[in-house]
Amino acid sequence: MKTATHSIQSRLLASVLGLMAVIWMVSAAMIWVDTSHELDELLDGHLAQAAALLVAQQSQAEGDEDYPADAPTPHKYAPRVAFQVFHNDELTMRSSNAPLAPLSTRERGFDTVEDQEGHDWRIFVTPGAEPDVRVLVAERMGARRSILEAVARSVLLPLGLALPVLALALWWAVLRGLRPLRALRQALEERQPQSLAPVHLPDMPLEMQPMVQALNSLIDRMAQMLESERRFTADAAHELRTPIAAIRMQAQVALGAVGDDAARTHALQYTLAGCDRATRVVEQLLVLARLETQQGTPAGCDATPVVRNIVAELAPTALARSQTLELEAPGPCRLAVNDAMLGMLVRNLVDNALRYSPDNATVRIRLQQLAQGVVLLVDDSGSGMDDAAMQRLGERFFRVLGTQQSGSGLGWSIVRRIAQVQGASTAVQRSPELGGLQVRITWPSP
């Protein structure tokens, strides 16, 4: 099933021209009606004025026995106008084109009649100076229509001739006005598939700027997603190469340890450890890839129970190495963050502190509601790190040498990205109380 497509240019032209044609026809009808009404009023007034002149003329000519019955025809339009004067119901004066019988039977006022030849006449009847005198003045309706048509031609004909010219001008204006859209289409058609540069058009109109900005925003998000996928692929290839090689080597050792159960068991244990490390790396890479494309601020949550749950989950790990895990979270702390992302941040911080601290070490977690916002402090009594290592902390796959702990160096990258998404700040320094490392995460007050 084909989807109906519409051209903005065609629809705009059809709408404007159709509306203009309707307005033109309505205007022409109004001009015709108004002109016809005004012309009737004007000519009726002329009839009444002519009748008054005849009344005055008839009164002056009263008693003149030689007064002619037929008046002369001094103008070429005279046949279109007729008049009659009756005295005691006898015709005493008429125009040459007037019949002998009365044009109308009315005693006074306007009337419209049709003569024997089928011509319509507009008649005005009025009494004369004497009580028995009746004056009738008539005008052919065809003359009125001729005048009306002449007036209409003089007004409507130029408008009718101007209509095609106006339509052509509108077509040109619409075509020129939609030129930026055609330029945008051409620019998009000429772009290379791998191009992620923002779209830029010179002299872009204001109406198109929001659309182009939204398009550039979409391209930017696509670029971020592609870059995240590229980095994920590169990071996975980089980091998984070592555990896979170690797993292969330990598998070869296990195959070669014929008759040596202890060596085979040792190799298999290292193989399992390599698998665990590869699994952890993949999980961290997936989390980091998801965080790099996450934007916006989610609904709020109470940070205190989230931190308590994470500490409770990691307590067995601390007990296995005789480490002391302390938590100070006196009251509720509301944060405009996602509880799952907050839990991931706390888990990575506490897990790093436990992993890179020696046996019998102390790890202290404090959650405080201060004036500047909510602060999370994670201190440990380990050996800490120097200033150069602190500066590089958070780089992908950077690990402090000599810790004797397996890892990928992605935990701090995850912590930094979660803090960035949540609008929090991170700071690392030597712990003033325990002597190891102190990590400080601050969420500003809303």
Protein backbone atom coordinates (compact mmCIF):
# COMPACT_ATOMS: atom_id res chain seq x y z
CA MET A 1 0.00 0.00 0.00
CA LYS A 2 1.50 3.30 -1.09
CA THR A 3 1.60 6.16 1.35
CA ALA A 4 0.13 9.38 0.02
CA THR A 5 2.71 12.10 -0.36
CA HIS A 6 2.04 15.81 -0.52
CA SER A 7 4.20 18.62 -1.78
CA ILE A 8 4.37 21.60 0.55
CA GLN A 9 4.83 23.84 -2.47
CA SER A 10 1.77 22.42 -4.27
CA ARG A 11 -0.40 22.50 -1.17
CA LEU A 12 0.69 26.05 -0.34
CA LEU A 13 0.05 27.25 -3.89
CA ALA A 14 -3.32 25.49 -4.06
CA SER A 15 -4.38 26.91 -0.71
CA VAL A 16 -3.27 30.48 -1.46
CA LEU A 17 -4.62 30.53 -5.01
CA GLY A 18 -7.89 28.88 -3.98
CA LEU A 19 -8.36 31.33 -1.13
CA MET A 20 -7.49 34.23 -3.42
CA ALA A 21 -9.99 33.02 -6.05
CA VAL A 22 -12.74 32.70 -3.44
CA ILE A 23 -12.00 36.16 -2.08
CA TRP A 24 -11.96 37.54 -5.63
CA MET A 25 -15.35 35.98 -6.48
CA VAL A 26 -16.89 37.15 -3.22
CA SER A 27 -15.51 40.65 -3.79
CA ALA A 28 -16.81 40.67 -7.37
CA ALA A 29 -20.27 39.59 -6.19
CA MET A 30 -20.28 42.26 -3.51
CA ILE A 31 -19.17 44.90 -6.04
CA TRP A 32 -21.91 43.77 -8.44
CA VAL A 33 -24.65 43.81 -5.82
CA ASP A 34 -23.55 47.09 -4.31
CA THR A 35 -23.12 48.80 -7.68
CA SER A 36 -26.51 47.52 -8.86
CA HIS A 37 -28.18 48.82 -5.74
CA GLU A 38 -26.49 52.19 -5.92
CA LEU A 39 -27.22 52.49 -9.64
CA ASP A 40 -30.89 51.73 -9.09
CA GLU A 41 -31.05 54.33 -6.35
CA LEU A 42 -29.31 56.91 -8.55
CA LEU A 43 -31.44 56.32 -11.62
CA ASP A 44 -34.64 56.18 -9.57
CA GLY A 45 -33.66 59.57 -8.24
CA HIS A 46 -33.14 60.80 -11.79
CA LEU A 47 -36.59 59.52 -12.71
CA ALA A 48 -38.12 61.37 -9.77
CA GLN A 49 -36.19 64.52 -10.72
CA ALA A 50 -37.29 64.24 -14.35
CA ALA A 51 -40.89 63.81 -13.23
CA ALA A 52 -40.62 66.94 -11.09
CA LEU A 53 -39.31 68.90 -14.06
CA LEU A 54 -42.19 67.66 -16.20
CA VAL A 55 -44.65 68.67 -13.53
CA ALA A 56 -43.18 72.14 -13.44
CA GLN A 57 -43.08 72.34 -17.24
CA GLN A 58 -46.64 71.08 -17.54
CA SER A 59 -47.91 73.66 -15.08
CA GLN A 60 -46.27 76.46 -17.07
CA ALA A 61 -47.73 75.17 -20.34
CA GLU A 62 -51.27 74.78 -18.96
CA GLY A 63 -53.85 76.41 -21.28
CA ASP A 64 -51.57 76.43 -24.31
CA GLU A 65 -53.75 74.88 -27.01
CA ASP A 66 -50.82 74.44 -29.41
CA TYR A 67 -48.75 72.39 -26.88
CA PRO A 68 -47.47 69.33 -28.79
CA ALA A 69 -48.41 65.87 -27.68
CA ASP A 70 -45.11 64.36 -28.80
CA ALA A 71 -41.89 65.82 -27.37
CA PRO A 72 -38.76 65.89 -29.58
CA THR A 73 -35.91 63.33 -29.23
CA PRO A 74 -32.77 65.40 -28.60
CA HIS A 75 -30.34 62.57 -27.58
CA LYS A 76 -29.44 59.14 -28.87
CA TYR A 77 -30.30 57.58 -25.49
CA ALA A 78 -33.73 59.22 -25.52
CA PRO A 79 -35.52 56.05 -26.77
CA ARG A 80 -34.46 54.38 -23.52
CA VAL A 81 -36.43 56.97 -21.54
CA ALA A 82 -40.12 57.70 -21.92
CA PHE A 83 -42.62 59.92 -20.20
CA GLN A 84 -46.37 60.63 -20.29
CA VAL A 85 -48.55 63.40 -18.91
CA PHE A 86 -52.27 62.74 -18.34
CA HIS A 87 -54.92 65.33 -17.52
CA ASN A 88 -58.31 63.99 -16.53
CA ASP A 89 -57.10 60.60 -17.77
CA GLU A 90 -56.38 62.09 -21.21
CA LEU A 91 -52.87 62.03 -22.67
CA THR A 92 -51.71 65.60 -23.07
CA MET A 93 -48.00 65.03 -23.54
CA ARG A 94 -45.67 62.09 -24.19
CA SER A 95 -42.31 61.18 -25.58
CA SER A 96 -42.10 59.78 -29.07
CA ASN A 97 -41.38 56.25 -27.80
CA ALA A 98 -44.16 56.26 -25.20
CA PRO A 99 -47.42 54.46 -26.01
CA LEU A 100 -50.81 56.13 -25.93
CA ALA A 101 -51.99 53.95 -23.10
CA PRO A 102 -50.66 54.66 -19.59
CA LEU A 103 -47.38 52.96 -18.83
CA SER A 104 -48.58 52.09 -15.33
CA THR A 105 -51.87 52.00 -13.52
CA ARG A 106 -50.36 53.21 -10.25
CA GLU A 107 -51.32 56.61 -8.94
CA ARG A 108 -47.91 57.39 -7.49
CA GLY A 109 -44.55 55.76 -6.70
CA PHE A 110 -42.27 53.32 -8.52
CA ASP A 111 -43.37 50.40 -10.61
CA THR A 112 -41.77 47.84 -12.94
CA VAL A 113 -43.75 46.64 -15.97
CA GLU A 114 -43.16 44.80 -19.23
CA ASP A 115 -44.37 46.29 -22.50
CA GLN A 116 -45.77 44.45 -25.49
CA GLU A 117 -42.32 44.08 -27.05
CA GLY A 118 -41.00 42.31 -23.93
CA HIS A 119 -38.95 45.22 -22.58
CA ASP A 120 -38.92 45.87 -18.88
CA TRP A 121 -39.48 49.47 -17.78
CA ARG A 122 -38.83 51.15 -14.48
CA ILE A 123 -41.63 53.72 -13.99
CA PHE A 124 -42.08 56.59 -11.57
CA VAL A 125 -45.62 58.04 -11.21
CA THR A 126 -46.41 61.35 -9.50
CA PRO A 127 -49.38 63.77 -9.43
CA GLY A 128 -49.01 66.99 -11.32
CA ALA A 129 -49.58 70.56 -10.24
CA GLU A 130 -53.30 70.13 -10.70
CA PRO A 131 -55.28 67.39 -8.93
CA ASP A 132 -56.28 65.71 -12.20
CA VAL A 133 -52.76 65.68 -13.68
CA ARG A 134 -50.61 62.52 -13.56
CA VAL A 135 -46.99 62.40 -14.75
CA LEU A 136 -45.26 59.11 -15.62
CA VAL A 137 -41.50 58.86 -16.29
CA ALA A 138 -40.08 55.50 -17.42
CA GLU A 139 -36.67 54.06 -18.15
CA ARG A 140 -35.82 50.75 -19.80
CA MET A 141 -34.23 48.26 -17.43
CA GLY A 142 -31.91 47.17 -20.22
CA ALA A 143 -30.29 50.60 -20.06
CA ARG A 144 -29.60 50.10 -16.39
CA ARG A 145 -28.10 46.71 -17.05
CA SER A 146 -25.90 48.18 -19.74
CA ILE A 147 -24.61 50.82 -17.36
CA LEU A 148 -24.08 48.19 -14.66
CA GLU A 149 -22.19 45.95 -17.08
CA ALA A 150 -20.03 48.85 -18.17
CA VAL A 151 -19.19 49.69 -14.57
CA ALA A 152 -18.50 46.03 -13.81
CA ARG A 153 -16.25 45.70 -16.85
CA SER A 154 -14.27 48.74 -15.82
CA VAL A 155 -13.77 47.30 -12.30
CA LEU A 156 -13.79 43.52 -12.62
CA LEU A 157 -12.00 43.12 -15.96
CA PRO A 158 -8.71 44.59 -14.68
CA LEU A 159 -9.03 42.40 -11.59
CA GLY A 160 -9.67 39.35 -13.75
CA LEU A 161 -6.64 40.13 -15.91
CA ALA A 162 -4.54 40.69 -12.81
CA LEU A 163 -5.51 37.32 -11.33
CA PRO A 164 -3.18 35.19 -13.55
CA VAL A 165 -0.38 37.68 -13.03
CA LEU A 166 -0.93 37.52 -9.28
CA ALA A 167 -1.01 33.71 -9.41
CA LEU A 168 2.30 33.70 -11.28
CA ALA A 169 3.79 36.10 -8.75
CA LEU A 170 2.59 33.90 -5.89
CA TRP A 171 4.06 30.81 -7.55
CA TRP A 172 7.41 32.58 -7.89
CA ALA A 173 7.27 33.81 -4.28
CA VAL A 174 6.44 30.35 -2.91
CA LEU A 175 9.14 28.76 -5.08
CA ARG A 176 11.68 31.28 -3.83
CA GLY A 177 10.50 30.98 -0.22
CA LEU A 178 10.97 27.20 -0.24
CA ARG A 179 14.48 27.44 -1.64
CA PRO A 180 16.10 26.79 1.79
CA LEU A 181 14.20 23.49 2.06
CA ARG A 182 15.52 22.42 -1.32
CA ALA A 183 19.01 23.48 -0.24
CA LEU A 184 18.66 21.35 2.91
CA ARG A 185 17.53 18.37 0.85
CA GLN A 186 20.45 18.79 -1.52
CA ALA A 187 22.90 19.11 1.37
CA LEU A 188 21.58 15.90 2.94
CA GLU A 189 21.67 14.04 -0.38
CA GLU A 190 25.30 15.08 -0.95
CA ARG A 191 26.50 14.01 2.50
CA GLN A 192 28.67 10.95 2.78
CA PRO A 193 27.13 8.06 4.77
CA GLN A 194 29.96 8.14 7.31
CA SER A 195 29.80 11.92 7.79
CA LEU A 196 28.64 12.98 11.26
CA ALA A 197 29.43 16.69 10.89
CA PRO A 198 26.60 19.08 11.78
CA VAL A 199 24.44 20.40 8.96
CA HIS A 200 25.08 24.06 8.18
CA LEU A 201 23.24 26.20 5.63
CA PRO A 202 24.16 29.81 4.86
CA ASP A 203 21.43 32.40 5.36
CA MET A 204 19.15 29.85 7.02
CA PRO A 205 15.71 31.36 7.82
CA LEU A 206 14.47 31.50 11.39
CA GLU A 207 11.68 28.99 10.74
CA MET A 208 14.18 26.31 9.71
CA GLN A 209 16.67 26.85 12.53
CA PRO A 210 14.80 24.69 15.14
CA MET A 211 14.49 21.85 12.62
CA VAL A 212 18.17 22.00 11.65
CA GLN A 213 19.17 22.25 15.32
CA ALA A 214 17.10 19.16 16.12
CA LEU A 215 18.69 17.36 13.17
CA ASN A 216 22.18 18.33 14.36
CA SER A 217 21.29 17.18 17.87
CA LEU A 218 20.22 13.81 16.44
CA ILE A 219 23.46 13.57 14.46
CA ASP A 220 25.43 14.39 17.60
CA ARG A 221 23.66 11.67 19.58
CA MET A 222 24.28 9.21 16.78
CA ALA A 223 27.96 10.19 16.79
CA GLN A 224 28.14 9.59 20.52
CA MET A 225 26.51 6.19 20.16
CA LEU A 226 28.83 5.20 17.33
CA GLU A 227 31.84 6.43 19.29
CA SER A 228 30.63 4.48 22.33
CA GLU A 229 30.29 1.34 20.26
CA ARG A 230 33.72 1.87 18.72
CA ARG A 231 35.30 2.41 22.11
CA PHE A 232 33.46 -0.60 23.53
CA THR A 233 34.80 -2.78 20.71
CA ALA A 234 38.32 -1.42 21.12
CA ASP A 235 38.23 -1.72 24.92
CA ALA A 236 36.84 -5.24 24.81
CA ALA A 237 39.49 -6.33 22.31
CA HIS A 238 42.20 -4.68 24.41
CA GLU A 239 41.19 -5.94 27.81
CA LEU A 240 39.87 -9.39 26.99
CA ARG A 241 43.05 -10.33 25.17
CA THR A 242 44.96 -10.84 28.44
CA PRO A 243 42.45 -13.04 30.33
CA ILE A 244 41.72 -15.08 27.20
CA ALA A 245 45.42 -15.69 26.69
CA ALA A 246 45.77 -16.63 30.37
CA ILE A 247 42.82 -19.01 30.13
CA ARG A 248 44.33 -20.63 27.04
CA MET A 249 47.69 -21.02 28.74
CA GLN A 250 46.20 -22.55 31.89
CA ALA A 251 44.10 -24.89 29.76
CA GLN A 252 47.25 -26.03 27.98
CA VAL A 253 48.93 -26.56 31.37
CA ALA A 254 45.98 -28.63 32.53
CA LEU A 255 46.13 -30.74 29.39
CA GLY A 256 49.83 -31.30 29.83
CA ALA A 257 49.65 -32.20 33.52
CA VAL A 258 49.24 -35.94 32.93
CA GLY A 259 49.27 -37.81 36.22
CA ASP A 260 49.79 -34.61 38.25
CA ASP A 261 46.44 -33.92 39.85
CA ALA A 262 47.73 -30.99 41.92
CA ALA A 263 49.11 -29.19 38.86
CA ARG A 264 45.89 -29.85 36.93
CA THR A 265 43.76 -28.57 39.80
CA HIS A 266 45.94 -25.46 40.11
CA ALA A 267 45.68 -24.79 36.38
CA LEU A 268 41.92 -25.24 36.42
CA GLN A 269 41.59 -22.85 39.36
CA TYR A 270 43.52 -20.22 37.46
CA THR A 271 41.34 -20.92 34.43
CA LEU A 272 38.21 -20.24 36.50
CA ALA A 273 39.78 -17.08 37.88
CA GLY A 274 40.53 -15.93 34.33
CA CYS A 275 36.93 -16.60 33.32
CA ASP A 276 35.69 -14.61 36.31
CA ARG A 277 37.96 -11.73 35.38
CA ALA A 278 36.79 -11.80 31.76
CA THR A 279 33.16 -11.83 32.94
CA ARG A 280 33.78 -8.85 35.21
CA VAL A 281 35.50 -6.93 32.40
CA VAL A 282 32.59 -7.55 30.03
CA GLU A 283 30.06 -6.45 32.66
CA GLN A 284 32.00 -3.27 33.38
CA LEU A 285 32.39 -2.49 29.69
CA LEU A 286 28.67 -2.92 29.14
CA VAL A 287 27.86 -0.67 32.09
CA LEU A 288 30.30 1.96 30.87
CA ALA A 289 28.92 1.85 27.33
CA ARG A 290 25.38 2.30 28.67
CA LEU A 291 26.43 5.19 30.89
CA GLU A 292 28.16 7.03 28.06
CA THR A 293 24.87 7.35 26.15
CA GLN A 294 22.71 8.11 29.19
CA GLN A 295 21.48 11.68 29.59
CA GLY A 296 18.99 13.55 31.70
CA THR A 297 18.13 13.52 35.38
CA PRO A 298 15.96 10.64 36.65
CA ALA A 299 13.54 10.66 39.56
CA GLY A 300 14.96 11.10 43.07
CA CYS A 301 15.66 8.51 45.74
CA ASP A 302 16.85 8.22 49.34
CA ALA A 303 20.60 7.50 49.26
CA THR A 304 20.82 6.08 52.82
CA PRO A 305 19.10 2.69 52.26
CA VAL A 306 20.92 2.28 48.94
CA VAL A 307 24.33 2.72 50.60
CA ARG A 308 23.35 0.43 53.48
CA ASN A 309 22.29 -2.35 51.09
CA ILE A 310 25.54 -2.13 49.12
CA VAL A 311 27.64 -2.24 52.29
CA ALA A 312 25.67 -5.26 53.50
CA GLU A 313 26.26 -7.06 50.18
CA LEU A 314 30.03 -6.47 50.36
CA ALA A 315 30.37 -7.33 54.05
CA PRO A 316 31.17 -11.03 53.38
CA THR A 317 34.05 -9.96 51.10
CA ALA A 318 35.47 -7.83 53.92
CA LEU A 319 35.04 -10.59 56.49
CA ALA A 320 36.88 -13.07 54.25
CA ARG A 321 40.00 -10.90 54.54
CA SER A 322 39.42 -9.80 58.16
CA GLN A 323 38.74 -6.24 57.02
CA THR A 324 36.64 -3.80 59.02
CA LEU A 325 33.77 -2.19 57.13
CA GLU A 326 32.28 0.87 58.85
CA LEU A 327 29.21 2.83 57.79
CA GLU A 328 27.99 6.22 59.03
CA ALA A 329 24.62 7.19 57.55
CA PRO A 330 22.61 8.84 60.31
CA GLY A 331 19.54 10.06 58.42
CA PRO A 332 17.75 10.17 55.07
CA CYS A 333 19.49 11.95 52.20
CA ARG A 334 17.33 12.74 49.19
CA LEU A 335 19.09 12.83 45.83
CA ALA A 336 17.75 13.50 42.33
CA VAL A 337 19.48 10.37 41.00
CA ASN A 338 18.60 6.87 39.88
CA ASP A 339 18.90 4.36 42.72
CA ALA A 340 20.39 1.67 40.44
CA MET A 341 23.10 4.01 39.16
CA LEU A 342 23.78 5.23 42.71
CA GLY A 343 24.15 1.64 43.87
CA MET A 344 26.59 0.93 41.05
CA LEU A 345 28.69 3.95 42.00
CA VAL A 346 28.83 2.99 45.69
CA ARG A 347 29.56 -0.67 44.88
CA ASN A 348 32.52 0.25 42.66
CA LEU A 349 33.94 2.64 45.27
CA VAL A 350 33.62 0.24 48.21
CA ASP A 351 34.74 -2.77 46.15
CA ASN A 352 37.87 -0.92 44.99
CA ALA A 353 38.62 0.12 48.58
CA LEU A 354 38.30 -3.48 49.79
CA ARG A 355 40.23 -5.02 46.89
CA TYR A 356 43.20 -2.68 47.00
CA SER A 357 43.47 -2.53 50.81
CA PRO A 358 45.48 -5.17 52.66
CA ASP A 359 44.08 -7.76 55.02
CA ASN A 360 42.90 -6.42 58.40
CA ALA A 361 42.44 -2.96 56.85
CA THR A 362 39.61 -0.60 57.68
CA VAL A 363 37.20 0.87 55.10
CA ARG A 364 34.90 3.64 56.30
CA ILE A 365 31.85 4.90 54.37
CA ARG A 366 30.17 8.11 55.45
CA LEU A 367 27.03 9.70 53.99
CA GLN A 368 26.39 13.27 55.14
CA GLN A 369 23.79 15.93 54.45
CA LEU A 370 25.69 19.25 54.42
CA ALA A 371 24.84 22.79 53.41
CA GLN A 372 26.51 22.42 50.01
CA GLY A 373 24.70 19.16 49.33
CA VAL A 374 25.02 15.43 50.00
CA VAL A 375 28.58 14.11 50.46
CA LEU A 376 29.73 10.49 50.23
CA LEU A 377 33.18 9.74 51.71
CA VAL A 378 35.00 6.43 51.28
CA ASP A 379 38.25 6.13 53.30
CA ASP A 380 40.58 3.18 53.59
CA SER A 381 43.71 2.40 55.59
CA GLY A 382 45.64 1.01 52.63
CA SER A 383 48.89 2.25 51.20
CA GLY A 384 47.20 4.93 49.11
CA MET A 385 48.86 6.30 45.97
CA ASP A 386 51.12 9.14 44.97
CA ASP A 387 50.01 12.39 43.32
CA ALA A 388 50.90 11.23 39.80
CA ALA A 389 48.75 8.13 40.18
CA MET A 390 45.89 10.21 41.58
CA GLN A 391 46.02 12.44 38.49
CA ARG A 392 45.66 9.41 36.20
CA LEU A 393 42.96 7.79 38.28
CA GLY A 394 39.88 7.30 36.11
CA GLU A 395 41.72 6.64 32.85
CA ARG A 396 40.53 3.50 31.15
CA PHE A 397 42.64 0.43 31.97
CA PHE A 398 44.97 2.40 34.24
CA ARG A 399 45.92 0.35 37.31
CA VAL A 400 48.41 1.06 40.06
CA LEU A 401 51.19 -1.48 39.85
CA GLY A 402 52.16 -3.60 42.82
CA THR A 403 48.66 -4.06 44.25
CA GLN A 404 48.67 -7.83 43.66
CA GLN A 405 45.00 -7.59 42.71
CA SER A 406 43.38 -8.46 39.40
CA GLY A 407 41.29 -5.81 37.71
CA SER A 408 40.68 -3.96 34.49
CA GLY A 409 40.99 -0.36 35.59
CA LEU A 410 37.41 0.36 34.50
CA GLY A 411 35.86 0.79 37.97
CA TRP A 412 36.99 4.37 38.33
CA SER A 413 35.86 5.19 34.79
CA ILE A 414 32.40 3.94 35.74
CA VAL A 415 32.42 6.02 38.95
CA ARG A 416 33.46 9.17 37.06
CA ARG A 417 30.82 8.68 34.37
CA ILE A 418 28.00 8.02 36.86
CA ALA A 419 28.98 11.13 38.82
CA GLN A 420 29.04 13.17 35.61
CA VAL A 421 25.59 11.95 34.57
CA GLN A 422 24.21 12.76 38.04
CA GLY A 423 25.85 16.20 38.18
CA ALA A 424 28.13 15.26 41.10
CA SER A 425 31.78 16.16 41.59
CA THR A 426 34.59 13.74 42.52
CA ALA A 427 37.75 14.39 44.50
CA VAL A 428 40.58 12.06 45.56
CA GLN A 429 43.14 12.70 48.29
CA ARG A 430 45.02 10.93 51.05
CA SER A 431 42.74 10.01 53.93
CA PRO A 432 43.49 12.31 56.90
CA GLU A 433 42.12 9.76 59.39
CA LEU A 434 43.04 6.31 58.04
CA GLY A 435 46.13 7.23 56.02
CA GLY A 436 45.07 5.50 52.80
CA LEU A 437 42.93 6.91 50.03
CA GLN A 438 39.86 9.11 50.46
CA VAL A 439 37.26 9.46 47.69
CA ARG A 440 34.76 12.32 48.00
CA ILE A 441 31.56 12.46 45.92
CA THR A 442 29.44 15.60 46.29
CA TRP A 443 25.91 16.06 44.95
CA PRO A 444 24.99 19.76 45.02
CA SER A 445 21.78 20.92 46.65
CA PRO A 446 18.85 21.24 44.25
